Amino acid sequence: METATLFSICIAVFLVGLTGYTLYTAFGPPAESLRDPFDEHED
């Protein structure tokens, strides 16, 4: 495999993994421990 192809596959896998992790953190079970600063300072 060429170096450029391998490099692009590595970057694509990293971006897909990062996107999956952020979606899991935002909407999965860890989201229960997140706080919303706008709700805390609401009038």
C-alpha atoms as a PDB file:
ATOM      1  CA  MET A   1       0.000   0.000   0.000  1.00  0.00           C
ATOM      2  CA  GLU A   2       1.239   3.470  -0.767  1.00  0.00           C
ATOM      3  CA  THR A   3       2.224   5.795   2.049  1.00  0.00           C
ATOM      4  CA  ALA A   4      -0.358   8.437   1.103  1.00  0.00           C
ATOM      5  CA  THR A   5      -3.189   5.874   1.085  1.00  0.00           C
ATOM      6  CA  LEU A   6      -2.175   4.486   4.456  1.00  0.00           C
ATOM      7  CA  PHE A   7      -1.886   7.996   5.892  1.00  0.00           C
ATOM      8  CA  SER A   8      -5.357   8.978   4.614  1.00  0.00           C
ATOM      9  CA  ILE A   9      -6.885   5.808   6.062  1.00  0.00           C
ATOM     10  CA  CYS A  10      -5.278   6.516   9.438  1.00  0.00           C
ATOM     11  CA  ILE A  11      -6.617  10.083   9.472  1.00  0.00           C
ATOM     12  CA  ALA A  12     -10.105   8.902   8.434  1.00  0.00           C
ATOM     13  CA  VAL A  13     -10.156   6.244  11.178  1.00  0.00           C
ATOM     14  CA  PHE A  14      -9.011   8.822  13.734  1.00  0.00           C
ATOM     15  CA  LEU A  15     -11.725  11.306  12.714  1.00  0.00           C
ATOM     16  CA  VAL A  16     -14.478   8.677  12.754  1.00  0.00           C
ATOM     17  CA  GLY A  17     -13.301   7.463  16.168  1.00  0.00           C
ATOM     18  CA  LEU A  18     -13.166  10.988  17.558  1.00  0.00           C
ATOM     19  CA  THR A  19     -16.650  11.736  16.241  1.00  0.00           C
ATOM     20  CA  GLY A  20     -17.996   8.531  17.774  1.00  0.00           C
ATOM     21  CA  TYR A  21     -16.388   9.302  21.118  1.00  0.00           C
ATOM     22  CA  THR A  22     -17.792  12.832  21.235  1.00  0.00           C
ATOM     23  CA  LEU A  23     -21.285  11.607  20.351  1.00  0.00           C
ATOM     24  CA  TYR A  24     -21.023   8.939  23.062  1.00  0.00           C
ATOM     25  CA  THR A  25     -19.882  11.540  25.591  1.00  0.00           C
ATOM     26  CA  ALA A  26     -22.591  14.032  24.612  1.00  0.00           C
ATOM     27  CA  PHE A  27     -25.576  11.679  24.412  1.00  0.00           C
ATOM     28  CA  GLY A  28     -24.519   8.427  26.122  1.00  0.00           C
ATOM     29  CA  PRO A  29     -24.310   7.505  29.813  1.00  0.00           C
ATOM     30  CA  PRO A  30     -21.452   9.971  30.590  1.00  0.00           C
ATOM     31  CA  ALA A  31     -23.807  12.829  29.645  1.00  0.00           C
ATOM     32  CA  GLU A  32     -25.513  12.523  33.035  1.00  0.00           C
ATOM     33  CA  SER A  33     -22.458  14.066  34.742  1.00  0.00           C
ATOM     34  CA  LEU A  34     -22.226  17.037  32.359  1.00  0.00           C
ATOM     35  CA  ARG A  35     -23.463  20.366  33.673  1.00  0.00           C
ATOM     36  CA  ASP A  36     -25.147  23.145  31.737  1.00  0.00           C
ATOM     37  CA  PRO A  37     -23.840  26.558  32.822  1.00  0.00           C
ATOM     38  CA  PHE A  38     -26.785  28.324  31.151  1.00  0.00           C
ATOM     39  CA  ASP A  39     -29.293  26.413  33.312  1.00  0.00           C
ATOM     40  CA  GLU A  40     -27.348  27.276  36.460  1.00  0.00           C
ATOM     41  CA  HIS A  41     -27.453  31.053  35.813  1.00  0.00           C
ATOM     42  CA  GLU A  42     -30.963  31.330  34.461  1.00  0.00           C
ATOM     43  CA  ASP A  43     -33.042  34.255  35.727  1.00  0.00           C
END
